Amino acid sequence: MELLWFEGALMLFGRKVKAEDFEAAALPHLNSLFRTAGRLIGNRGEAEDLVQEVYLQAWKSFHRFEPGTNCRAWLFKILLYKISHYRRKQLRLVTNDVEILEDVAYEPGVPEHLRDEEVLMGLEKIPEYYREAILLADVEEFSYQEIASMLNVPIGTVMSRLSRGRKLLRIELAVVAESYGIKSARKEARGGESV
């Protein structure tokens, strides 16, 4: 690949790419990329490195980006690829899948008085593939179709991961809520019957 610099722009494959265009399209998404990388990796320093790699890759590939399309989704797709590569590189293999309790009679609602830190700790306890789907859908507000495209999985898999991930997160958060007495307060209000 031949790179030619001239007057603040880069010539890639015959297409002039301006640094200002790249900055205007990509930099507004820096904080959400970093926040998501941090949540998925769990290490601030590694997340910073990954986001830098994302922006480097995005700059190198910016000549292929179509102006007017969803730059945010494009950057997140690069981030998820980098995270996947990072995980393989770190040999963080998951040996046992979490068994999903399909026959749970009661799914506790998310209590109103949990702190953000407790929700994030609960999120850290669920498997990574569920956590990715939850973060992309519920925090970053991507559509199911966008998530499916980013993760290279069918849309049904995204929906399944969201459903199961949210269920696991509710279970984790119910334990925290119980420690605050939130569940017992509801039982008392209903005359001792289970919720």
N, C-alpha and C. Protein backbone atom coordinates (compact mmCIF):
# COMPACT_ATOMS: atom_id res chain seq x y z
N MET A 1 0.85 -1.16 0.00
CA MET A 1 0.00 0.00 0.00
C MET A 1 0.91 1.23 0.00
N GLU A 2 0.61 2.14 -0.86
CA GLU A 2 1.42 3.34 -0.97
C GLU A 2 0.71 4.50 -0.30
N LEU A 3 1.39 5.14 0.67
CA LEU A 3 0.84 6.27 1.39
C LEU A 3 1.56 7.53 0.96
N LEU A 4 0.84 8.52 0.56
CA LEU A 4 1.43 9.80 0.17
C LEU A 4 0.80 10.91 0.99
N TRP A 5 1.62 11.68 1.69
CA TRP A 5 1.14 12.81 2.49
C TRP A 5 1.27 14.09 1.67
N PHE A 6 0.28 14.92 1.70
CA PHE A 6 0.38 16.24 1.09
C PHE A 6 -0.67 17.15 1.71
N GLU A 7 -0.27 18.35 2.06
CA GLU A 7 -1.13 19.41 2.59
C GLU A 7 -2.17 18.90 3.60
N GLY A 8 -1.74 18.20 4.66
CA GLY A 8 -2.64 17.76 5.71
C GLY A 8 -3.59 16.65 5.31
N ALA A 9 -3.31 15.99 4.21
CA ALA A 9 -4.18 14.90 3.77
C ALA A 9 -3.32 13.70 3.42
N LEU A 10 -3.96 12.59 3.28
CA LEU A 10 -3.29 11.33 2.95
C LEU A 10 -3.91 10.80 1.67
N MET A 11 -3.09 10.35 0.75
CA MET A 11 -3.59 9.78 -0.48
C MET A 11 -3.48 8.26 -0.36
N LEU A 12 -4.65 7.60 -0.34
CA LEU A 12 -4.71 6.15 -0.25
C LEU A 12 -5.49 5.63 -1.45
N PHE A 13 -4.89 4.76 -2.23
CA PHE A 13 -5.55 4.14 -3.36
C PHE A 13 -6.27 5.17 -4.23
N GLY A 14 -5.62 6.30 -4.44
CA GLY A 14 -6.17 7.33 -5.30
C GLY A 14 -7.25 8.17 -4.66
N ARG A 15 -7.59 7.93 -3.41
CA ARG A 15 -8.62 8.72 -2.74
C ARG A 15 -7.96 9.61 -1.69
N LYS A 16 -8.25 10.88 -1.72
CA LYS A 16 -7.68 11.83 -0.78
C LYS A 16 -8.46 11.75 0.54
N VAL A 17 -7.74 11.49 1.62
CA VAL A 17 -8.36 11.37 2.94
C VAL A 17 -7.81 12.50 3.80
N LYS A 18 -8.69 13.37 4.25
CA LYS A 18 -8.27 14.50 5.07
C LYS A 18 -8.32 14.13 6.55
N ALA A 19 -7.32 14.58 7.28
CA ALA A 19 -7.28 14.32 8.72
C ALA A 19 -8.49 14.93 9.41
N GLU A 20 -8.93 16.10 8.95
CA GLU A 20 -10.09 16.76 9.57
C GLU A 20 -11.36 15.93 9.39
N ASP A 21 -11.50 15.30 8.22
CA ASP A 21 -12.68 14.46 7.99
C ASP A 21 -12.68 13.26 8.93
N PHE A 22 -11.51 12.66 9.08
CA PHE A 22 -11.40 11.51 9.98
C PHE A 22 -11.71 11.94 11.42
N GLU A 23 -11.10 13.03 11.85
CA GLU A 23 -11.33 13.51 13.22
C GLU A 23 -12.79 13.84 13.46
N ALA A 24 -13.42 14.50 12.50
CA ALA A 24 -14.82 14.88 12.65
C ALA A 24 -15.73 13.66 12.74
N ALA A 25 -15.42 12.62 11.98
CA ALA A 25 -16.27 11.43 11.96
C ALA A 25 -15.98 10.49 13.13
N ALA A 26 -14.70 10.34 13.50
CA ALA A 26 -14.32 9.28 14.44
C ALA A 26 -14.15 9.73 15.88
N LEU A 27 -13.59 10.90 16.10
CA LEU A 27 -13.27 11.31 17.47
C LEU A 27 -14.46 11.49 18.42
N PRO A 28 -15.65 11.86 17.94
CA PRO A 28 -16.78 11.97 18.87
C PRO A 28 -17.13 10.66 19.58
N HIS A 29 -16.65 9.55 19.06
CA HIS A 29 -17.01 8.25 19.63
C HIS A 29 -15.93 7.68 20.56
N LEU A 30 -14.91 8.46 20.82
CA LEU A 30 -13.78 8.01 21.64
C LEU A 30 -14.21 7.55 23.03
N ASN A 31 -15.02 8.35 23.72
CA ASN A 31 -15.41 7.99 25.09
C ASN A 31 -16.24 6.72 25.14
N SER A 32 -17.19 6.55 24.20
CA SER A 32 -17.98 5.32 24.25
C SER A 32 -17.16 4.10 23.89
N LEU A 33 -16.21 4.24 22.99
CA LEU A 33 -15.33 3.12 22.67
C LEU A 33 -14.48 2.74 23.89
N PHE A 34 -13.94 3.75 24.56
CA PHE A 34 -13.11 3.48 25.72
C PHE A 34 -13.93 2.85 26.85
N ARG A 35 -15.12 3.38 27.08
CA ARG A 35 -15.98 2.84 28.14
C ARG A 35 -16.32 1.38 27.85
N THR A 36 -16.66 1.07 26.61
CA THR A 36 -17.01 -0.30 26.25
C THR A 36 -15.80 -1.22 26.34
N ALA A 37 -14.67 -0.76 25.85
CA ALA A 37 -13.44 -1.57 25.93
C ALA A 37 -13.09 -1.85 27.38
N GLY A 38 -13.20 -0.84 28.22
CA GLY A 38 -12.91 -1.02 29.65
C GLY A 38 -13.81 -2.04 30.29
N ARG A 39 -15.09 -2.00 29.96
CA ARG A 39 -16.04 -2.95 30.54
C ARG A 39 -15.79 -4.36 30.02
N LEU A 40 -15.44 -4.49 28.75
CA LEU A 40 -15.26 -5.83 28.19
C LEU A 40 -13.92 -6.44 28.57
N ILE A 41 -12.89 -5.63 28.74
CA ILE A 41 -11.56 -6.14 29.07
C ILE A 41 -11.33 -6.14 30.57
N GLY A 42 -11.84 -5.14 31.26
CA GLY A 42 -11.68 -5.08 32.71
C GLY A 42 -10.35 -4.49 33.15
N ASN A 43 -9.60 -3.92 32.24
CA ASN A 43 -8.30 -3.34 32.56
C ASN A 43 -8.18 -2.02 31.82
N ARG A 44 -8.07 -0.93 32.57
CA ARG A 44 -8.06 0.41 31.98
C ARG A 44 -6.89 0.60 31.01
N GLY A 45 -5.70 0.17 31.39
CA GLY A 45 -4.53 0.32 30.53
C GLY A 45 -4.67 -0.44 29.22
N GLU A 46 -5.15 -1.68 29.32
CA GLU A 46 -5.36 -2.48 28.11
C GLU A 46 -6.45 -1.87 27.24
N ALA A 47 -7.48 -1.33 27.88
CA ALA A 47 -8.57 -0.69 27.13
C ALA A 47 -8.04 0.52 26.36
N GLU A 48 -7.19 1.32 27.00
CA GLU A 48 -6.59 2.47 26.32
C GLU A 48 -5.79 2.02 25.10
N ASP A 49 -4.99 0.96 25.27
CA ASP A 49 -4.19 0.44 24.16
C ASP A 49 -5.08 -0.05 23.03
N LEU A 50 -6.15 -0.76 23.38
CA LEU A 50 -7.05 -1.28 22.36
C LEU A 50 -7.73 -0.16 21.58
N VAL A 51 -8.16 0.88 22.29
CA VAL A 51 -8.82 2.00 21.61
C VAL A 51 -7.83 2.71 20.70
N GLN A 52 -6.59 2.83 21.13
CA GLN A 52 -5.57 3.41 20.25
C GLN A 52 -5.41 2.56 18.99
N GLU A 53 -5.38 1.25 19.16
CA GLU A 53 -5.28 0.35 18.01
C GLU A 53 -6.49 0.49 17.09
N VAL A 54 -7.66 0.69 17.69
CA VAL A 54 -8.87 0.87 16.89
C VAL A 54 -8.74 2.13 16.02
N TYR A 55 -8.30 3.22 16.63
CA TYR A 55 -8.19 4.46 15.87
C TYR A 55 -7.07 4.39 14.82
N LEU A 56 -6.01 3.68 15.12
CA LEU A 56 -4.96 3.49 14.13
C LEU A 56 -5.49 2.69 12.94
N GLN A 57 -6.18 1.60 13.24
CA GLN A 57 -6.77 0.79 12.17
C GLN A 57 -7.81 1.58 11.39
N ALA A 58 -8.63 2.35 12.10
CA ALA A 58 -9.65 3.16 11.43
C ALA A 58 -9.00 4.18 10.50
N TRP A 59 -7.92 4.82 10.95
CA TRP A 59 -7.24 5.80 10.11
C TRP A 59 -6.66 5.13 8.86
N LYS A 60 -6.05 3.97 9.05
CA LYS A 60 -5.48 3.25 7.91
C LYS A 60 -6.56 2.81 6.92
N SER A 61 -7.76 2.55 7.43
CA SER A 61 -8.85 2.06 6.59
C SER A 61 -9.86 3.13 6.23
N PHE A 62 -9.60 4.35 6.61
CA PHE A 62 -10.60 5.41 6.42
C PHE A 62 -10.93 5.64 4.95
N HIS A 63 -10.03 5.31 4.07
CA HIS A 63 -10.31 5.48 2.65
C HIS A 63 -11.46 4.57 2.19
N ARG A 64 -11.72 3.49 2.96
CA ARG A 64 -12.81 2.58 2.63
C ARG A 64 -14.13 2.97 3.30
N PHE A 65 -14.06 3.88 4.26
CA PHE A 65 -15.27 4.33 4.95
C PHE A 65 -16.10 5.19 4.01
N GLU A 66 -17.37 4.90 3.95
CA GLU A 66 -18.28 5.67 3.10
C GLU A 66 -18.87 6.82 3.92
N PRO A 67 -18.56 8.07 3.57
CA PRO A 67 -19.14 9.21 4.29
C PRO A 67 -20.67 9.12 4.28
N GLY A 68 -21.25 9.46 5.42
CA GLY A 68 -22.70 9.40 5.55
C GLY A 68 -23.20 8.09 6.15
N THR A 69 -22.33 7.09 6.26
CA THR A 69 -22.75 5.84 6.90
C THR A 69 -22.44 5.93 8.40
N ASN A 70 -22.75 4.90 9.11
CA ASN A 70 -22.63 4.90 10.57
C ASN A 70 -21.18 4.66 11.01
N CYS A 71 -20.46 5.74 11.24
CA CYS A 71 -19.06 5.65 11.66
C CYS A 71 -18.96 4.97 13.03
N ARG A 72 -19.90 5.26 13.91
CA ARG A 72 -19.88 4.68 15.25
C ARG A 72 -19.94 3.15 15.18
N ALA A 73 -20.84 2.61 14.39
CA ALA A 73 -20.95 1.15 14.25
C ALA A 73 -19.68 0.58 13.62
N TRP A 74 -19.11 1.29 12.67
CA TRP A 74 -17.87 0.85 12.01
C TRP A 74 -16.73 0.79 13.03
N LEU A 75 -16.62 1.80 13.88
CA LEU A 75 -15.57 1.82 14.90
C LEU A 75 -15.79 0.71 15.93
N PHE A 76 -17.03 0.48 16.31
CA PHE A 76 -17.31 -0.59 17.27
C PHE A 76 -17.02 -1.96 16.68
N LYS A 77 -17.26 -2.12 15.40
CA LYS A 77 -16.92 -3.40 14.76
C LYS A 77 -15.41 -3.62 14.82
N ILE A 78 -14.64 -2.58 14.56
CA ILE A 78 -13.18 -2.69 14.67
C ILE A 78 -12.79 -2.99 16.11
N LEU A 79 -13.43 -2.32 17.08
CA LEU A 79 -13.13 -2.56 18.49
C LEU A 79 -13.40 -4.02 18.86
N LEU A 80 -14.53 -4.53 18.46
CA LEU A 80 -14.86 -5.92 18.81
C LEU A 80 -13.89 -6.90 18.16
N TYR A 81 -13.45 -6.60 16.96
CA TYR A 81 -12.43 -7.44 16.33
C TYR A 81 -11.13 -7.39 17.13
N LYS A 82 -10.72 -6.18 17.55
CA LYS A 82 -9.48 -6.02 18.32
C LYS A 82 -9.59 -6.74 19.67
N ILE A 83 -10.75 -6.65 20.30
CA ILE A 83 -10.96 -7.33 21.58
C ILE A 83 -10.89 -8.84 21.39
N SER A 84 -11.51 -9.33 20.34
CA SER A 84 -11.46 -10.76 20.05
C SER A 84 -10.02 -11.21 19.84
N HIS A 85 -9.27 -10.44 19.09
CA HIS A 85 -7.85 -10.75 18.85
C HIS A 85 -7.07 -10.70 20.16
N TYR A 86 -7.36 -9.71 20.99
CA TYR A 86 -6.69 -9.56 22.29
C TYR A 86 -6.95 -10.79 23.16
N ARG A 87 -8.19 -11.23 23.18
CA ARG A 87 -8.55 -12.39 24.00
C ARG A 87 -7.83 -13.65 23.53
N ARG A 88 -7.78 -13.84 22.22
CA ARG A 88 -7.04 -15.00 21.70
C ARG A 88 -5.57 -14.90 22.07
N LYS A 89 -5.03 -13.70 21.95
CA LYS A 89 -3.62 -13.48 22.24
C LYS A 89 -3.32 -13.76 23.71
N GLN A 90 -4.19 -13.40 24.60
CA GLN A 90 -4.01 -13.60 26.04
C GLN A 90 -4.34 -15.02 26.48
N LEU A 91 -4.84 -15.82 25.56
CA LEU A 91 -5.19 -17.21 25.86
C LEU A 91 -6.15 -17.33 27.03
N ARG A 92 -7.10 -16.42 27.04
CA ARG A 92 -8.11 -16.45 28.08
C ARG A 92 -9.26 -17.33 27.60
N LEU A 93 -9.04 -18.63 27.64
CA LEU A 93 -10.06 -19.55 27.17
C LEU A 93 -11.04 -19.88 28.29
N VAL A 94 -12.25 -19.83 27.95
CA VAL A 94 -13.29 -20.20 28.90
C VAL A 94 -13.47 -21.71 28.80
N THR A 95 -13.19 -22.41 29.91
CA THR A 95 -13.25 -23.87 29.86
C THR A 95 -14.65 -24.41 30.09
N ASN A 96 -15.39 -23.73 30.91
CA ASN A 96 -16.74 -24.22 31.19
C ASN A 96 -17.76 -23.13 30.89
N ASP A 97 -18.78 -23.48 30.14
CA ASP A 97 -19.87 -22.52 29.90
C ASP A 97 -20.76 -22.47 31.13
N VAL A 98 -21.34 -21.31 31.31
CA VAL A 98 -22.27 -21.15 32.42
C VAL A 98 -23.57 -21.86 32.05
N GLU A 99 -24.05 -22.67 32.99
CA GLU A 99 -25.32 -23.35 32.74
C GLU A 99 -26.46 -22.38 33.01
N ILE A 100 -27.37 -22.32 32.09
CA ILE A 100 -28.51 -21.41 32.20
C ILE A 100 -29.65 -22.15 32.89
N LEU A 101 -30.18 -21.54 33.92
CA LEU A 101 -31.29 -22.13 34.66
C LEU A 101 -32.59 -21.76 33.96
N GLU A 102 -33.04 -22.63 33.09
CA GLU A 102 -34.22 -22.35 32.28
C GLU A 102 -35.52 -22.49 33.09
N ASP A 103 -35.47 -23.27 34.16
CA ASP A 103 -36.70 -23.56 34.88
C ASP A 103 -36.85 -22.73 36.15
N VAL A 104 -36.26 -21.55 36.18
CA VAL A 104 -36.40 -20.68 37.35
C VAL A 104 -37.82 -20.11 37.34
N ALA A 105 -38.53 -20.29 38.42
CA ALA A 105 -39.91 -19.85 38.47
C ALA A 105 -40.03 -18.33 38.59
N TYR A 106 -39.11 -17.73 39.30
CA TYR A 106 -39.21 -16.30 39.56
C TYR A 106 -37.98 -15.59 39.02
N GLU A 107 -38.20 -14.55 38.24
CA GLU A 107 -37.11 -13.71 37.75
C GLU A 107 -37.23 -12.38 38.48
N PRO A 108 -36.31 -12.11 39.41
CA PRO A 108 -36.43 -10.88 40.18
C PRO A 108 -36.21 -9.66 39.30
N GLY A 109 -36.99 -8.62 39.56
CA GLY A 109 -36.80 -7.36 38.87
C GLY A 109 -35.56 -6.65 39.40
N VAL A 110 -35.06 -5.70 38.64
CA VAL A 110 -33.89 -4.95 39.09
C VAL A 110 -34.36 -3.94 40.13
N PRO A 111 -33.85 -4.05 41.37
CA PRO A 111 -34.25 -3.12 42.42
C PRO A 111 -33.89 -1.68 42.06
N GLU A 112 -34.63 -0.74 42.67
CA GLU A 112 -34.46 0.67 42.36
C GLU A 112 -33.26 1.31 43.04
N HIS A 113 -32.72 0.71 44.07
CA HIS A 113 -31.72 1.39 44.88
C HIS A 113 -30.31 0.81 44.78
N LEU A 114 -29.97 0.23 43.66
CA LEU A 114 -28.62 -0.29 43.49
C LEU A 114 -27.70 0.82 42.96
N ARG A 115 -26.47 0.80 43.42
CA ARG A 115 -25.48 1.77 42.93
C ARG A 115 -24.91 1.29 41.61
N ASP A 116 -24.39 2.22 40.84
CA ASP A 116 -23.79 1.88 39.54
C ASP A 116 -22.69 0.85 39.69
N GLU A 117 -21.87 1.00 40.73
CA GLU A 117 -20.75 0.08 40.94
C GLU A 117 -21.24 -1.35 41.11
N GLU A 118 -22.37 -1.51 41.79
CA GLU A 118 -22.91 -2.85 42.01
C GLU A 118 -23.45 -3.46 40.72
N VAL A 119 -24.05 -2.63 39.90
CA VAL A 119 -24.53 -3.11 38.61
C VAL A 119 -23.34 -3.53 37.74
N LEU A 120 -22.29 -2.73 37.75
CA LEU A 120 -21.11 -3.05 36.96
C LEU A 120 -20.42 -4.31 37.48
N MET A 121 -20.40 -4.50 38.80
CA MET A 121 -19.83 -5.73 39.35
C MET A 121 -20.65 -6.94 38.93
N GLY A 122 -21.97 -6.80 38.94
CA GLY A 122 -22.84 -7.88 38.47
C GLY A 122 -22.60 -8.19 37.01
N LEU A 123 -22.40 -7.15 36.22
CA LEU A 123 -22.14 -7.32 34.80
C LEU A 123 -20.82 -8.05 34.56
N GLU A 124 -19.83 -7.78 35.41
CA GLU A 124 -18.53 -8.45 35.28
C GLU A 124 -18.62 -9.95 35.54
N LYS A 125 -19.65 -10.38 36.27
CA LYS A 125 -19.77 -11.80 36.64
C LYS A 125 -20.41 -12.66 35.56
N ILE A 126 -21.00 -12.03 34.55
CA ILE A 126 -21.64 -12.85 33.51
C ILE A 126 -20.64 -13.10 32.38
N PRO A 127 -20.82 -14.17 31.61
CA PRO A 127 -19.88 -14.50 30.54
C PRO A 127 -19.72 -13.36 29.53
N GLU A 128 -18.54 -13.29 28.94
CA GLU A 128 -18.18 -12.17 28.06
C GLU A 128 -19.12 -12.01 26.87
N TYR A 129 -19.56 -13.11 26.25
CA TYR A 129 -20.40 -12.98 25.06
C TYR A 129 -21.77 -12.41 25.41
N TYR A 130 -22.26 -12.65 26.63
CA TYR A 130 -23.50 -12.02 27.07
C TYR A 130 -23.24 -10.54 27.41
N ARG A 131 -22.12 -10.30 28.08
CA ARG A 131 -21.76 -8.93 28.48
C ARG A 131 -21.62 -8.04 27.26
N GLU A 132 -20.98 -8.54 26.19
CA GLU A 132 -20.83 -7.76 24.96
C GLU A 132 -22.19 -7.35 24.42
N ALA A 133 -23.09 -8.31 24.33
CA ALA A 133 -24.42 -8.03 23.77
C ALA A 133 -25.17 -7.01 24.64
N ILE A 134 -25.10 -7.17 25.96
CA ILE A 134 -25.80 -6.25 26.85
C ILE A 134 -25.22 -4.84 26.74
N LEU A 135 -23.91 -4.72 26.75
CA LEU A 135 -23.28 -3.40 26.65
C LEU A 135 -23.64 -2.72 25.32
N LEU A 136 -23.58 -3.47 24.23
CA LEU A 136 -23.86 -2.87 22.93
C LEU A 136 -25.33 -2.47 22.80
N ALA A 137 -26.24 -3.28 23.33
CA ALA A 137 -27.67 -2.99 23.20
C ALA A 137 -28.16 -1.98 24.24
N ASP A 138 -27.83 -2.23 25.50
CA ASP A 138 -28.43 -1.45 26.57
C ASP A 138 -27.64 -0.21 26.96
N VAL A 139 -26.34 -0.22 26.77
CA VAL A 139 -25.53 0.95 27.12
C VAL A 139 -25.26 1.80 25.88
N GLU A 140 -24.79 1.17 24.81
CA GLU A 140 -24.45 1.91 23.60
C GLU A 140 -25.64 2.08 22.65
N GLU A 141 -26.74 1.40 22.92
CA GLU A 141 -28.01 1.54 22.20
C GLU A 141 -27.92 1.22 20.71
N PHE A 142 -27.15 0.19 20.36
CA PHE A 142 -27.13 -0.28 18.98
C PHE A 142 -28.36 -1.16 18.75
N SER A 143 -28.82 -1.21 17.51
CA SER A 143 -29.95 -2.08 17.16
C SER A 143 -29.46 -3.53 17.12
N TYR A 144 -30.41 -4.47 17.17
CA TYR A 144 -30.04 -5.89 17.10
C TYR A 144 -29.29 -6.17 15.81
N GLN A 145 -29.75 -5.57 14.72
CA GLN A 145 -29.10 -5.81 13.43
C GLN A 145 -27.66 -5.30 13.43
N GLU A 146 -27.42 -4.12 14.01
CA GLU A 146 -26.07 -3.58 14.09
C GLU A 146 -25.17 -4.47 14.94
N ILE A 147 -25.71 -4.96 16.05
CA ILE A 147 -24.94 -5.84 16.93
C ILE A 147 -24.60 -7.14 16.20
N ALA A 148 -25.57 -7.70 15.50
CA ALA A 148 -25.34 -8.93 14.75
C ALA A 148 -24.23 -8.73 13.74
N SER A 149 -24.24 -7.60 13.08
CA SER A 149 -23.20 -7.30 12.10
C SER A 149 -21.84 -7.15 12.76
N MET A 150 -21.80 -6.46 13.90
CA MET A 150 -20.53 -6.26 14.61
C MET A 150 -19.93 -7.56 15.12
N LEU A 151 -20.79 -8.44 15.64
CA LEU A 151 -20.32 -9.69 16.24
C LEU A 151 -20.23 -10.83 15.23
N ASN A 152 -20.69 -10.58 14.01
CA ASN A 152 -20.71 -11.60 12.96
C ASN A 152 -21.49 -12.85 13.39
N VAL A 153 -22.67 -12.60 13.95
CA VAL A 153 -23.56 -13.69 14.35
C VAL A 153 -24.96 -13.38 13.83
N PRO A 154 -25.83 -14.38 13.72
CA PRO A 154 -27.21 -14.12 13.30
C PRO A 154 -27.94 -13.27 14.33
N ILE A 155 -28.96 -12.56 13.89
CA ILE A 155 -29.72 -11.68 14.78
C ILE A 155 -30.39 -12.49 15.90
N GLY A 156 -30.79 -13.72 15.61
CA GLY A 156 -31.38 -14.58 16.64
C GLY A 156 -30.41 -14.88 17.76
N THR A 157 -29.14 -15.01 17.43
CA THR A 157 -28.11 -15.24 18.45
C THR A 157 -27.97 -14.02 19.33
N VAL A 158 -28.05 -12.84 18.74
CA VAL A 158 -27.99 -11.60 19.52
C VAL A 158 -29.17 -11.55 20.49
N MET A 159 -30.35 -11.84 20.00
CA MET A 159 -31.54 -11.81 20.84
C MET A 159 -31.43 -12.83 21.97
N SER A 160 -30.92 -14.01 21.66
CA SER A 160 -30.75 -15.05 22.66
C SER A 160 -29.73 -14.63 23.73
N ARG A 161 -28.60 -14.08 23.28
CA ARG A 161 -27.57 -13.64 24.22
C ARG A 161 -28.09 -12.52 25.12
N LEU A 162 -28.88 -11.62 24.55
CA LEU A 162 -29.45 -10.54 25.37
C LEU A 162 -30.42 -11.09 26.40
N SER A 163 -31.28 -11.99 25.98
CA SER A 163 -32.25 -12.56 26.90
C SER A 163 -31.57 -13.31 28.04
N ARG A 164 -30.65 -14.19 27.69
CA ARG A 164 -29.96 -14.98 28.71
C ARG A 164 -29.04 -14.12 29.56
N GLY A 165 -28.37 -13.16 28.93
CA GLY A 165 -27.48 -12.27 29.68
C GLY A 165 -28.24 -11.41 30.67
N ARG A 166 -29.38 -10.88 30.24
CA ARG A 166 -30.20 -10.06 31.14
C ARG A 166 -30.74 -10.90 32.30
N LYS A 167 -31.08 -12.13 31.99
CA LYS A 167 -31.57 -13.03 33.04
C LYS A 167 -30.47 -13.28 34.08
N LEU A 168 -29.25 -13.56 33.61
CA LEU A 168 -28.13 -13.78 34.52
C LEU A 168 -27.82 -12.51 35.32
N LEU A 169 -27.91 -11.37 34.68
CA LEU A 169 -27.65 -10.10 35.37
C LEU A 169 -28.71 -9.86 36.44
N ARG A 170 -29.98 -10.16 36.13
CA ARG A 170 -31.05 -10.01 37.14
C ARG A 170 -30.77 -10.89 38.35
N ILE A 171 -30.30 -12.12 38.11
CA ILE A 171 -29.99 -13.03 39.21
C ILE A 171 -28.87 -12.47 40.06
N GLU A 172 -27.80 -11.96 39.41
CA GLU A 172 -26.68 -11.37 40.14
C GLU A 172 -27.13 -10.16 40.96
N LEU A 173 -27.97 -9.33 40.36
CA LEU A 173 -28.40 -8.11 41.05
C LEU A 173 -29.42 -8.41 42.14
N ALA A 174 -30.16 -9.51 42.01
CA ALA A 174 -31.12 -9.89 43.06
C ALA A 174 -30.38 -10.22 44.36
N VAL A 175 -29.22 -10.83 44.24
CA VAL A 175 -28.42 -11.16 45.43
C VAL A 175 -28.00 -9.88 46.13
N VAL A 176 -27.54 -8.90 45.34
CA VAL A 176 -27.13 -7.61 45.92
C VAL A 176 -28.33 -6.91 46.55
N ALA A 177 -29.45 -6.93 45.87
CA ALA A 177 -30.66 -6.29 46.39
C ALA A 177 -31.10 -6.93 47.70
N GLU A 178 -31.01 -8.24 47.75
CA GLU A 178 -31.37 -8.95 48.97
C GLU A 178 -30.48 -8.54 50.14
N SER A 179 -29.21 -8.32 49.85
CA SER A 179 -28.30 -7.90 50.92
C SER A 179 -28.68 -6.53 51.48
N TYR A 180 -29.39 -5.74 50.69
CA TYR A 180 -29.89 -4.44 51.16
C TYR A 180 -31.25 -4.56 51.84
N GLY A 181 -31.81 -5.75 51.79
CA GLY A 181 -33.12 -5.93 52.38
C GLY A 181 -34.24 -5.52 51.45
N ILE A 182 -33.95 -5.30 50.21
CA ILE A 182 -34.97 -4.85 49.26
C ILE A 182 -36.02 -5.94 49.06
N LYS A 183 -35.59 -7.17 48.89
CA LYS A 183 -36.53 -8.26 48.67
C LYS A 183 -37.37 -8.52 49.93
N SER A 184 -36.71 -8.49 51.09
CA SER A 184 -37.46 -8.76 52.33
C SER A 184 -38.48 -7.65 52.60
N ALA A 185 -38.18 -6.43 52.22
CA ALA A 185 -39.14 -5.34 52.39
C ALA A 185 -40.37 -5.58 51.53
N ARG A 186 -40.18 -6.11 50.34
CA ARG A 186 -41.31 -6.42 49.47
C ARG A 186 -42.14 -7.56 50.05
N LYS A 187 -41.45 -8.56 50.64
CA LYS A 187 -42.18 -9.69 51.25
C LYS A 187 -43.06 -9.18 52.39
N GLU A 188 -42.50 -8.29 53.24
CA GLU A 188 -43.26 -7.76 54.38
C GLU A 188 -44.48 -6.98 53.90
N ALA A 189 -44.31 -6.22 52.84
CA ALA A 189 -45.42 -5.42 52.31
C ALA A 189 -46.54 -6.30 51.78
N ARG A 190 -46.20 -7.50 51.34
CA ARG A 190 -47.21 -8.42 50.81
C ARG A 190 -47.65 -9.43 51.86
N GLY A 191 -47.31 -9.20 53.10
CA GLY A 191 -47.74 -10.10 54.16
C GLY A 191 -46.92 -11.38 54.24
N GLY A 192 -45.65 -11.32 53.82
CA GLY A 192 -44.77 -12.46 53.98
C GLY A 192 -44.76 -13.42 52.81
N GLU A 193 -45.62 -13.21 51.81
CA GLU A 193 -45.60 -14.13 50.68
C GLU A 193 -44.40 -13.82 49.78
N SER A 194 -43.94 -14.83 49.08
CA SER A 194 -42.78 -14.63 48.21
C SER A 194 -43.18 -13.83 46.98
N VAL A 195 -42.21 -13.09 46.49
CA VAL A 195 -42.46 -12.21 45.35
C VAL A 195 -42.24 -12.96 44.08
